[in-house]
Amino acid sequence: MNQPHDERLLREVFEAFTQFAKKIQEEDDEEKAWMLAQTSDQQVQALLREMTFMMIHVLDGIGKLGRTNGSALSSRFGIPKGTVSKLTKRLEVLGLIAFETVPGNKKELYFVLTPQGETIYKLHERLDERIQAAATRLMAEYTGEQLEFIRDLMNKLTSHSFLQLDEEQTRESNF
């Protein structure tokens, strides 16, 4: 269902989308700053400063899943297995997770949070609760129908690449 649209409106939508993407990236720093402000533990603060956004999210994934392996983290959170492997090694070096093996199977590694990892996981959980509450207040301004539209749009945006869509349309128009 292709519909003609006003070029100015399309540019405004694209600009709003671009600004939203930038805001998401900027909020990573804001989230880390919030977590740093929530603890007076110097060691936890030092660890947080060493962590990247992805490390925090992998740690959060381990906290949510409990004793888990790389395949489960990868499939559940959509993180490539190689990235999970690299980040879990860094988290272990920082002392935030430990590796466990299954007796009789040294290849199968499971990740568990250490006490320091648990502390940072709990901080991130509190952050997520605050974000969820704020998002709920924001979305209260919209009808169920509007929220369904937003959900569908966000699902399309995250499941498609604009470059791939352009390439598909170019191939279709060549036939």
N, C-alpha and C. Protein backbone atom coordinates (compact mmCIF):
# COMPACT_ATOMS: atom_id res chain seq x y z
N MET A 1 0.85 -1.17 0.00
CA MET A 1 0.00 0.00 0.00
C MET A 1 0.90 1.24 0.00
N ASN A 2 1.36 1.63 -1.16
CA ASN A 2 2.18 2.83 -1.30
C ASN A 2 1.29 4.05 -1.46
N GLN A 3 1.53 5.04 -0.59
CA GLN A 3 0.72 6.25 -0.64
C GLN A 3 1.63 7.44 -0.90
N PRO A 4 1.18 8.37 -1.76
CA PRO A 4 2.00 9.57 -1.98
C PRO A 4 1.94 10.46 -0.73
N HIS A 5 3.07 11.03 -0.39
CA HIS A 5 3.14 11.89 0.79
C HIS A 5 3.82 13.20 0.43
N ASP A 6 3.51 14.19 1.22
CA ASP A 6 4.14 15.50 1.11
C ASP A 6 5.63 15.36 1.42
N GLU A 7 6.49 15.83 0.51
CA GLU A 7 7.94 15.73 0.69
C GLU A 7 8.41 16.41 1.98
N ARG A 8 7.84 17.55 2.31
CA ARG A 8 8.22 18.28 3.53
C ARG A 8 7.91 17.43 4.76
N LEU A 9 6.75 16.80 4.79
CA LEU A 9 6.36 15.96 5.92
C LEU A 9 7.30 14.75 6.02
N LEU A 10 7.63 14.15 4.90
CA LEU A 10 8.56 13.02 4.92
C LEU A 10 9.93 13.42 5.47
N ARG A 11 10.42 14.59 5.07
CA ARG A 11 11.70 15.09 5.60
C ARG A 11 11.60 15.31 7.11
N GLU A 12 10.49 15.87 7.58
CA GLU A 12 10.30 16.11 9.01
C GLU A 12 10.27 14.79 9.79
N VAL A 13 9.60 13.79 9.24
CA VAL A 13 9.54 12.48 9.89
C VAL A 13 10.95 11.88 9.96
N PHE A 14 11.67 11.95 8.84
CA PHE A 14 13.03 11.41 8.82
C PHE A 14 13.92 12.15 9.80
N GLU A 15 13.80 13.47 9.87
CA GLU A 15 14.60 14.26 10.81
C GLU A 15 14.25 13.89 12.26
N ALA A 16 12.97 13.70 12.54
CA ALA A 16 12.56 13.29 13.90
C ALA A 16 13.14 11.92 14.23
N PHE A 17 13.13 11.03 13.26
CA PHE A 17 13.70 9.70 13.46
C PHE A 17 15.21 9.81 13.74
N THR A 18 15.91 10.63 12.98
CA THR A 18 17.35 10.83 13.16
C THR A 18 17.63 11.40 14.54
N GLN A 19 16.84 12.39 14.97
CA GLN A 19 17.02 12.98 16.30
C GLN A 19 16.76 11.95 17.40
N PHE A 20 15.77 11.08 17.20
CA PHE A 20 15.47 10.03 18.17
C PHE A 20 16.65 9.07 18.29
N ALA A 21 17.24 8.68 17.17
CA ALA A 21 18.39 7.78 17.18
C ALA A 21 19.56 8.42 17.93
N LYS A 22 19.81 9.71 17.70
CA LYS A 22 20.88 10.42 18.40
C LYS A 22 20.60 10.46 19.90
N LYS A 23 19.35 10.71 20.26
CA LYS A 23 18.97 10.79 21.67
C LYS A 23 19.22 9.45 22.37
N ILE A 24 18.91 8.36 21.71
CA ILE A 24 19.14 7.03 22.28
C ILE A 24 20.63 6.86 22.58
N GLN A 25 21.48 7.24 21.64
CA GLN A 25 22.93 7.12 21.85
C GLN A 25 23.40 8.01 23.00
N GLU A 26 22.87 9.22 23.09
CA GLU A 26 23.27 10.13 24.16
C GLU A 26 22.81 9.63 25.52
N GLU A 27 21.68 8.95 25.56
CA GLU A 27 21.15 8.48 26.83
C GLU A 27 21.98 7.38 27.44
N ASP A 28 22.80 6.69 26.65
CA ASP A 28 23.70 5.70 27.22
C ASP A 28 24.59 6.35 28.28
N ASP A 29 25.15 7.52 27.95
CA ASP A 29 26.00 8.25 28.91
C ASP A 29 25.18 8.72 30.10
N GLU A 30 23.97 9.18 29.84
CA GLU A 30 23.09 9.66 30.90
C GLU A 30 22.73 8.51 31.85
N GLU A 31 22.47 7.34 31.30
CA GLU A 31 22.14 6.18 32.13
C GLU A 31 23.32 5.78 33.01
N LYS A 32 24.51 5.78 32.42
CA LYS A 32 25.70 5.43 33.20
C LYS A 32 25.92 6.46 34.31
N ALA A 33 25.72 7.74 34.01
CA ALA A 33 25.87 8.80 35.02
C ALA A 33 24.86 8.59 36.15
N TRP A 34 23.63 8.21 35.82
CA TRP A 34 22.61 7.96 36.84
C TRP A 34 23.05 6.82 37.75
N MET A 35 23.55 5.73 37.13
CA MET A 35 23.99 4.58 37.93
C MET A 35 25.16 4.97 38.84
N LEU A 36 26.10 5.76 38.31
CA LEU A 36 27.23 6.20 39.13
C LEU A 36 26.77 7.02 40.33
N ALA A 37 25.75 7.84 40.12
CA ALA A 37 25.25 8.70 41.20
C ALA A 37 24.47 7.92 42.26
N GLN A 38 24.06 6.70 41.94
CA GLN A 38 23.25 5.92 42.87
C GLN A 38 24.06 5.10 43.87
N THR A 39 25.38 5.11 43.70
CA THR A 39 26.21 4.33 44.62
C THR A 39 27.37 5.18 45.12
N SER A 40 27.71 4.96 46.39
CA SER A 40 28.87 5.64 46.95
C SER A 40 30.07 4.69 47.01
N ASP A 41 29.85 3.44 46.60
CA ASP A 41 30.91 2.44 46.59
C ASP A 41 31.92 2.77 45.48
N GLN A 42 33.12 3.17 45.90
CA GLN A 42 34.16 3.59 44.95
C GLN A 42 34.53 2.48 43.98
N GLN A 43 34.55 1.25 44.45
CA GLN A 43 34.92 0.12 43.59
C GLN A 43 33.84 -0.09 42.51
N VAL A 44 32.59 -0.01 42.88
CA VAL A 44 31.50 -0.16 41.91
C VAL A 44 31.55 0.99 40.90
N GLN A 45 31.81 2.20 41.38
CA GLN A 45 31.93 3.34 40.47
C GLN A 45 33.07 3.14 39.47
N ALA A 46 34.20 2.64 39.95
CA ALA A 46 35.34 2.40 39.06
C ALA A 46 34.99 1.34 38.02
N LEU A 47 34.30 0.31 38.43
CA LEU A 47 33.89 -0.74 37.49
C LEU A 47 32.93 -0.18 36.44
N LEU A 48 31.96 0.61 36.88
CA LEU A 48 31.01 1.20 35.94
C LEU A 48 31.72 2.07 34.90
N ARG A 49 32.73 2.80 35.33
CA ARG A 49 33.47 3.66 34.40
C ARG A 49 34.21 2.83 33.34
N GLU A 50 34.61 1.62 33.71
CA GLU A 50 35.32 0.73 32.79
C GLU A 50 34.36 0.04 31.79
N MET A 51 33.09 0.00 32.13
CA MET A 51 32.14 -0.77 31.34
C MET A 51 31.57 0.02 30.17
N THR A 52 31.37 -0.69 29.07
CA THR A 52 30.68 -0.10 27.92
C THR A 52 29.19 -0.36 28.07
N PHE A 53 28.42 0.32 27.26
CA PHE A 53 26.98 0.13 27.21
C PHE A 53 26.63 -1.35 26.98
N MET A 54 27.31 -1.98 26.02
CA MET A 54 27.03 -3.39 25.71
C MET A 54 27.40 -4.31 26.88
N MET A 55 28.48 -3.99 27.58
CA MET A 55 28.86 -4.81 28.74
C MET A 55 27.78 -4.76 29.80
N ILE A 56 27.23 -3.57 30.03
CA ILE A 56 26.16 -3.43 31.03
C ILE A 56 24.96 -4.26 30.62
N HIS A 57 24.64 -4.26 29.33
CA HIS A 57 23.47 -5.01 28.88
C HIS A 57 23.70 -6.52 28.89
N VAL A 58 24.90 -6.96 28.62
CA VAL A 58 25.20 -8.39 28.74
C VAL A 58 25.13 -8.81 30.21
N LEU A 59 25.69 -7.99 31.09
CA LEU A 59 25.61 -8.27 32.52
C LEU A 59 24.14 -8.34 32.97
N ASP A 60 23.34 -7.40 32.47
CA ASP A 60 21.91 -7.38 32.78
C ASP A 60 21.24 -8.67 32.28
N GLY A 61 21.62 -9.10 31.09
CA GLY A 61 21.06 -10.33 30.54
C GLY A 61 21.37 -11.54 31.41
N ILE A 62 22.61 -11.61 31.88
CA ILE A 62 23.00 -12.71 32.77
C ILE A 62 22.18 -12.64 34.05
N GLY A 63 22.01 -11.43 34.58
CA GLY A 63 21.21 -11.27 35.79
C GLY A 63 19.77 -11.70 35.60
N LYS A 64 19.19 -11.36 34.45
CA LYS A 64 17.80 -11.72 34.18
C LYS A 64 17.62 -13.22 33.96
N LEU A 65 18.57 -13.84 33.25
CA LEU A 65 18.45 -15.26 32.93
C LEU A 65 18.97 -16.18 34.03
N GLY A 66 19.78 -15.64 34.93
CA GLY A 66 20.41 -16.50 35.92
C GLY A 66 21.57 -17.25 35.27
N ARG A 67 21.94 -18.36 35.79
CA ARG A 67 23.04 -19.17 35.23
C ARG A 67 22.71 -19.47 33.77
N THR A 68 23.51 -18.93 32.88
CA THR A 68 23.19 -19.03 31.45
C THR A 68 24.44 -19.19 30.62
N ASN A 69 24.25 -19.53 29.35
CA ASN A 69 25.41 -19.66 28.45
C ASN A 69 25.34 -18.63 27.33
N GLY A 70 26.38 -18.59 26.51
CA GLY A 70 26.48 -17.60 25.45
C GLY A 70 25.39 -17.73 24.40
N SER A 71 25.02 -18.96 24.07
CA SER A 71 23.97 -19.15 23.06
C SER A 71 22.64 -18.58 23.53
N ALA A 72 22.31 -18.80 24.77
CA ALA A 72 21.05 -18.28 25.32
C ALA A 72 21.06 -16.75 25.32
N LEU A 73 22.17 -16.16 25.73
CA LEU A 73 22.28 -14.69 25.72
C LEU A 73 22.16 -14.14 24.31
N SER A 74 22.84 -14.79 23.38
CA SER A 74 22.82 -14.35 21.99
C SER A 74 21.42 -14.39 21.41
N SER A 75 20.73 -15.50 21.57
CA SER A 75 19.40 -15.62 20.96
C SER A 75 18.35 -14.78 21.69
N ARG A 76 18.42 -14.69 22.99
CA ARG A 76 17.41 -13.95 23.76
C ARG A 76 17.52 -12.44 23.54
N PHE A 77 18.74 -11.92 23.44
CA PHE A 77 18.92 -10.48 23.38
C PHE A 77 19.40 -9.99 22.01
N GLY A 78 19.54 -10.91 21.05
CA GLY A 78 19.92 -10.52 19.70
C GLY A 78 21.34 -9.98 19.59
N ILE A 79 22.24 -10.52 20.41
CA ILE A 79 23.64 -10.10 20.39
C ILE A 79 24.43 -11.22 19.71
N PRO A 80 25.26 -10.90 18.72
CA PRO A 80 26.05 -11.96 18.06
C PRO A 80 26.88 -12.75 19.07
N LYS A 81 27.03 -14.06 18.81
CA LYS A 81 27.77 -14.94 19.73
C LYS A 81 29.20 -14.46 19.96
N GLY A 82 29.87 -13.99 18.92
CA GLY A 82 31.24 -13.50 19.07
C GLY A 82 31.31 -12.31 20.01
N THR A 83 30.31 -11.43 19.92
CA THR A 83 30.25 -10.26 20.80
C THR A 83 30.03 -10.71 22.24
N VAL A 84 29.13 -11.67 22.43
CA VAL A 84 28.87 -12.20 23.78
C VAL A 84 30.16 -12.78 24.36
N SER A 85 30.88 -13.54 23.55
CA SER A 85 32.13 -14.16 24.01
C SER A 85 33.14 -13.11 24.43
N LYS A 86 33.32 -12.10 23.59
CA LYS A 86 34.30 -11.04 23.89
C LYS A 86 33.90 -10.27 25.16
N LEU A 87 32.62 -9.93 25.26
CA LEU A 87 32.17 -9.13 26.40
C LEU A 87 32.19 -9.92 27.70
N THR A 88 31.83 -11.21 27.65
CA THR A 88 31.86 -12.00 28.88
C THR A 88 33.28 -12.19 29.38
N LYS A 89 34.25 -12.27 28.46
CA LYS A 89 35.65 -12.36 28.90
C LYS A 89 36.06 -11.08 29.62
N ARG A 90 35.63 -9.94 29.09
CA ARG A 90 35.96 -8.66 29.74
C ARG A 90 35.25 -8.54 31.09
N LEU A 91 34.01 -9.01 31.17
CA LEU A 91 33.27 -8.97 32.44
C LEU A 91 33.93 -9.87 33.48
N GLU A 92 34.48 -11.00 33.03
CA GLU A 92 35.18 -11.88 33.96
C GLU A 92 36.46 -11.23 34.47
N VAL A 93 37.21 -10.59 33.57
CA VAL A 93 38.44 -9.90 33.97
C VAL A 93 38.14 -8.83 35.01
N LEU A 94 37.00 -8.15 34.87
CA LEU A 94 36.61 -7.11 35.84
C LEU A 94 36.07 -7.72 37.13
N GLY A 95 35.87 -9.03 37.16
CA GLY A 95 35.37 -9.68 38.36
C GLY A 95 33.87 -9.57 38.55
N LEU A 96 33.15 -9.34 37.46
CA LEU A 96 31.69 -9.16 37.55
C LEU A 96 30.92 -10.44 37.27
N ILE A 97 31.53 -11.37 36.56
CA ILE A 97 30.92 -12.67 36.33
C ILE A 97 31.98 -13.74 36.53
N ALA A 98 31.52 -14.96 36.72
CA ALA A 98 32.41 -16.11 36.80
C ALA A 98 31.93 -17.11 35.76
N PHE A 99 32.86 -17.92 35.27
CA PHE A 99 32.53 -18.99 34.33
C PHE A 99 32.40 -20.29 35.11
N GLU A 100 31.39 -21.05 34.78
CA GLU A 100 31.23 -22.38 35.35
C GLU A 100 31.12 -23.37 34.21
N THR A 101 31.58 -24.59 34.44
CA THR A 101 31.44 -25.64 33.44
C THR A 101 30.54 -26.73 33.99
N VAL A 102 29.99 -27.49 33.07
CA VAL A 102 29.17 -28.64 33.45
C VAL A 102 30.12 -29.80 33.72
N PRO A 103 29.93 -30.50 34.83
CA PRO A 103 30.81 -31.65 35.09
C PRO A 103 30.78 -32.61 33.90
N GLY A 104 31.96 -32.99 33.44
CA GLY A 104 32.07 -33.90 32.30
C GLY A 104 32.02 -33.21 30.95
N ASN A 105 31.82 -31.88 30.92
CA ASN A 105 31.77 -31.15 29.65
C ASN A 105 32.47 -29.81 29.84
N LYS A 106 33.76 -29.80 29.62
CA LYS A 106 34.56 -28.59 29.84
C LYS A 106 34.28 -27.50 28.79
N LYS A 107 33.67 -27.88 27.66
CA LYS A 107 33.42 -26.90 26.60
C LYS A 107 32.21 -26.03 26.90
N GLU A 108 31.24 -26.58 27.59
CA GLU A 108 29.99 -25.86 27.87
C GLU A 108 30.20 -24.91 29.04
N LEU A 109 30.26 -23.59 28.74
CA LEU A 109 30.48 -22.57 29.76
C LEU A 109 29.17 -21.91 30.15
N TYR A 110 29.00 -21.70 31.43
CA TYR A 110 27.87 -20.95 31.94
C TYR A 110 28.39 -19.73 32.69
N PHE A 111 27.62 -18.67 32.65
CA PHE A 111 28.01 -17.42 33.30
C PHE A 111 27.13 -17.21 34.52
N VAL A 112 27.73 -16.76 35.60
CA VAL A 112 27.00 -16.39 36.81
C VAL A 112 27.56 -15.06 37.31
N LEU A 113 26.69 -14.27 37.94
CA LEU A 113 27.13 -12.99 38.49
C LEU A 113 27.92 -13.20 39.78
N THR A 114 28.94 -12.40 39.95
CA THR A 114 29.66 -12.35 41.22
C THR A 114 28.91 -11.34 42.10
N PRO A 115 29.28 -11.20 43.38
CA PRO A 115 28.62 -10.19 44.21
C PRO A 115 28.70 -8.78 43.61
N GLN A 116 29.87 -8.40 43.06
CA GLN A 116 30.00 -7.08 42.42
C GLN A 116 29.10 -6.99 41.19
N GLY A 117 29.05 -8.07 40.42
CA GLY A 117 28.17 -8.11 39.25
C GLY A 117 26.72 -7.97 39.64
N GLU A 118 26.36 -8.62 40.73
CA GLU A 118 24.98 -8.55 41.24
C GLU A 118 24.64 -7.11 41.64
N THR A 119 25.58 -6.42 42.25
CA THR A 119 25.36 -5.02 42.65
C THR A 119 25.07 -4.14 41.43
N ILE A 120 25.88 -4.30 40.40
CA ILE A 120 25.69 -3.49 39.19
C ILE A 120 24.41 -3.90 38.47
N TYR A 121 24.12 -5.19 38.45
CA TYR A 121 22.86 -5.66 37.86
C TYR A 121 21.67 -5.03 38.57
N LYS A 122 21.67 -4.98 39.89
CA LYS A 122 20.57 -4.38 40.65
C LYS A 122 20.45 -2.88 40.36
N LEU A 123 21.58 -2.19 40.22
CA LEU A 123 21.54 -0.77 39.85
C LEU A 123 20.87 -0.60 38.48
N HIS A 124 21.25 -1.45 37.54
CA HIS A 124 20.67 -1.37 36.19
C HIS A 124 19.19 -1.71 36.22
N GLU A 125 18.82 -2.64 37.07
CA GLU A 125 17.40 -3.00 37.21
C GLU A 125 16.59 -1.80 37.71
N ARG A 126 17.13 -1.07 38.70
CA ARG A 126 16.46 0.15 39.19
C ARG A 126 16.35 1.20 38.09
N LEU A 127 17.40 1.33 37.30
CA LEU A 127 17.38 2.26 36.17
C LEU A 127 16.27 1.87 35.19
N ASP A 128 16.19 0.60 34.85
CA ASP A 128 15.14 0.13 33.93
C ASP A 128 13.75 0.41 34.47
N GLU A 129 13.56 0.25 35.77
CA GLU A 129 12.26 0.53 36.39
C GLU A 129 11.90 2.01 36.24
N ARG A 130 12.87 2.89 36.44
CA ARG A 130 12.64 4.34 36.28
C ARG A 130 12.28 4.68 34.84
N ILE A 131 13.02 4.09 33.91
CA ILE A 131 12.76 4.36 32.49
C ILE A 131 11.37 3.85 32.11
N GLN A 132 11.03 2.65 32.57
CA GLN A 132 9.72 2.07 32.28
C GLN A 132 8.60 2.94 32.84
N ALA A 133 8.76 3.44 34.04
CA ALA A 133 7.74 4.30 34.65
C ALA A 133 7.58 5.60 33.85
N ALA A 134 8.69 6.20 33.44
CA ALA A 134 8.63 7.44 32.66
C ALA A 134 8.00 7.19 31.29
N ALA A 135 8.34 6.07 30.66
CA ALA A 135 7.76 5.74 29.36
C ALA A 135 6.25 5.49 29.49
N THR A 136 5.85 4.86 30.57
CA THR A 136 4.42 4.60 30.81
C THR A 136 3.66 5.92 30.96
N ARG A 137 4.25 6.87 31.70
CA ARG A 137 3.61 8.19 31.85
C ARG A 137 3.49 8.90 30.49
N LEU A 138 4.54 8.83 29.69
CA LEU A 138 4.53 9.45 28.37
C LEU A 138 3.45 8.81 27.49
N MET A 139 3.38 7.51 27.49
CA MET A 139 2.44 6.81 26.61
C MET A 139 0.99 6.91 27.06
N ALA A 140 0.77 7.35 28.29
CA ALA A 140 -0.60 7.52 28.79
C ALA A 140 -1.34 8.59 28.00
N GLU A 141 -0.62 9.43 27.27
CA GLU A 141 -1.23 10.49 26.48
C GLU A 141 -1.84 9.97 25.18
N TYR A 142 -1.59 8.70 24.84
CA TYR A 142 -2.01 8.17 23.55
C TYR A 142 -3.09 7.11 23.72
N THR A 143 -3.93 6.99 22.69
CA THR A 143 -4.98 5.98 22.70
C THR A 143 -4.37 4.61 22.41
N GLY A 144 -5.13 3.58 22.67
CA GLY A 144 -4.69 2.23 22.36
C GLY A 144 -4.39 2.07 20.87
N GLU A 145 -5.22 2.66 20.04
CA GLU A 145 -5.01 2.58 18.59
C GLU A 145 -3.69 3.26 18.19
N GLN A 146 -3.42 4.42 18.79
CA GLN A 146 -2.17 5.12 18.49
C GLN A 146 -0.96 4.30 18.96
N LEU A 147 -1.07 3.70 20.13
CA LEU A 147 0.03 2.87 20.65
C LEU A 147 0.26 1.65 19.76
N GLU A 148 -0.82 1.05 19.24
CA GLU A 148 -0.67 -0.07 18.32
C GLU A 148 0.08 0.36 17.06
N PHE A 149 -0.24 1.55 16.55
CA PHE A 149 0.46 2.07 15.38
C PHE A 149 1.94 2.27 15.69
N ILE A 150 2.23 2.88 16.84
CA ILE A 150 3.62 3.13 17.24
C ILE A 150 4.36 1.80 17.38
N ARG A 151 3.73 0.83 18.02
CA ARG A 151 4.34 -0.50 18.17
C ARG A 151 4.67 -1.10 16.81
N ASP A 152 3.70 -1.06 15.89
CA ASP A 152 3.91 -1.64 14.56
C ASP A 152 5.02 -0.91 13.82
N LEU A 153 5.04 0.41 13.91
CA LEU A 153 6.08 1.20 13.25
C LEU A 153 7.45 0.85 13.83
N MET A 154 7.55 0.81 15.15
CA MET A 154 8.84 0.49 15.79
C MET A 154 9.29 -0.92 15.41
N ASN A 155 8.37 -1.86 15.34
CA ASN A 155 8.73 -3.22 14.92
C ASN A 155 9.26 -3.23 13.49
N LYS A 156 8.64 -2.46 12.61
CA LYS A 156 9.12 -2.38 11.22
C LYS A 156 10.49 -1.71 11.17
N LEU A 157 10.66 -0.65 11.93
CA LEU A 157 11.94 0.06 11.93
C LEU A 157 13.08 -0.82 12.42
N THR A 158 12.80 -1.64 13.41
CA THR A 158 13.88 -2.47 13.97
C THR A 158 14.09 -3.77 13.20
N SER A 159 13.14 -4.15 12.36
CA SER A 159 13.31 -5.41 11.62
C SER A 159 13.75 -5.20 10.18
N HIS A 160 13.89 -3.96 9.76
CA HIS A 160 14.29 -3.66 8.40
C HIS A 160 15.49 -2.71 8.38
N SER A 161 16.25 -2.82 7.34
CA SER A 161 17.34 -1.88 7.08
C SER A 161 16.88 -0.97 5.96
N PHE A 162 17.03 0.32 6.12
CA PHE A 162 16.65 1.24 5.06
C PHE A 162 17.45 0.96 3.80
N LEU A 163 18.71 0.56 3.96
CA LEU A 163 19.53 0.23 2.79
C LEU A 163 19.00 -1.00 2.08
N GLN A 164 18.62 -2.03 2.86
CA GLN A 164 18.07 -3.23 2.24
C GLN A 164 16.75 -2.94 1.55
N LEU A 165 15.90 -2.12 2.18
CA LEU A 165 14.62 -1.76 1.56
C LEU A 165 14.85 -1.04 0.24
N ASP A 166 15.85 -0.16 0.21
CA ASP A 166 16.17 0.57 -1.01
C ASP A 166 16.66 -0.38 -2.09
N GLU A 167 17.52 -1.34 -1.71
CA GLU A 167 18.03 -2.31 -2.68
C GLU A 167 16.90 -3.20 -3.21
N GLU A 168 15.97 -3.62 -2.33
CA GLU A 168 14.84 -4.44 -2.77
C GLU A 168 13.97 -3.66 -3.76
N GLN A 169 13.69 -2.41 -3.46
CA GLN A 169 12.87 -1.59 -4.36
C GLN A 169 13.57 -1.37 -5.70
N THR A 170 14.89 -1.20 -5.67
CA THR A 170 15.64 -1.01 -6.91
C THR A 170 15.57 -2.29 -7.76
N ARG A 171 15.73 -3.46 -7.13
CA ARG A 171 15.63 -4.73 -7.86
C ARG A 171 14.24 -4.90 -8.45
N GLU A 172 13.19 -4.59 -7.66
CA GLU A 172 11.81 -4.75 -8.14
C GLU A 172 11.52 -3.83 -9.32
N SER A 173 12.05 -2.60 -9.29
CA SER A 173 11.78 -1.67 -10.38
C SER A 173 12.55 -2.03 -11.64
N ASN A 174 13.62 -2.85 -11.51
CA ASN A 174 14.39 -3.28 -12.68
C ASN A 174 13.73 -4.43 -13.41
N PHE A 175 12.73 -5.04 -12.82
CA PHE A 175 12.05 -6.16 -13.48
C PHE A 175 10.87 -5.72 -14.25
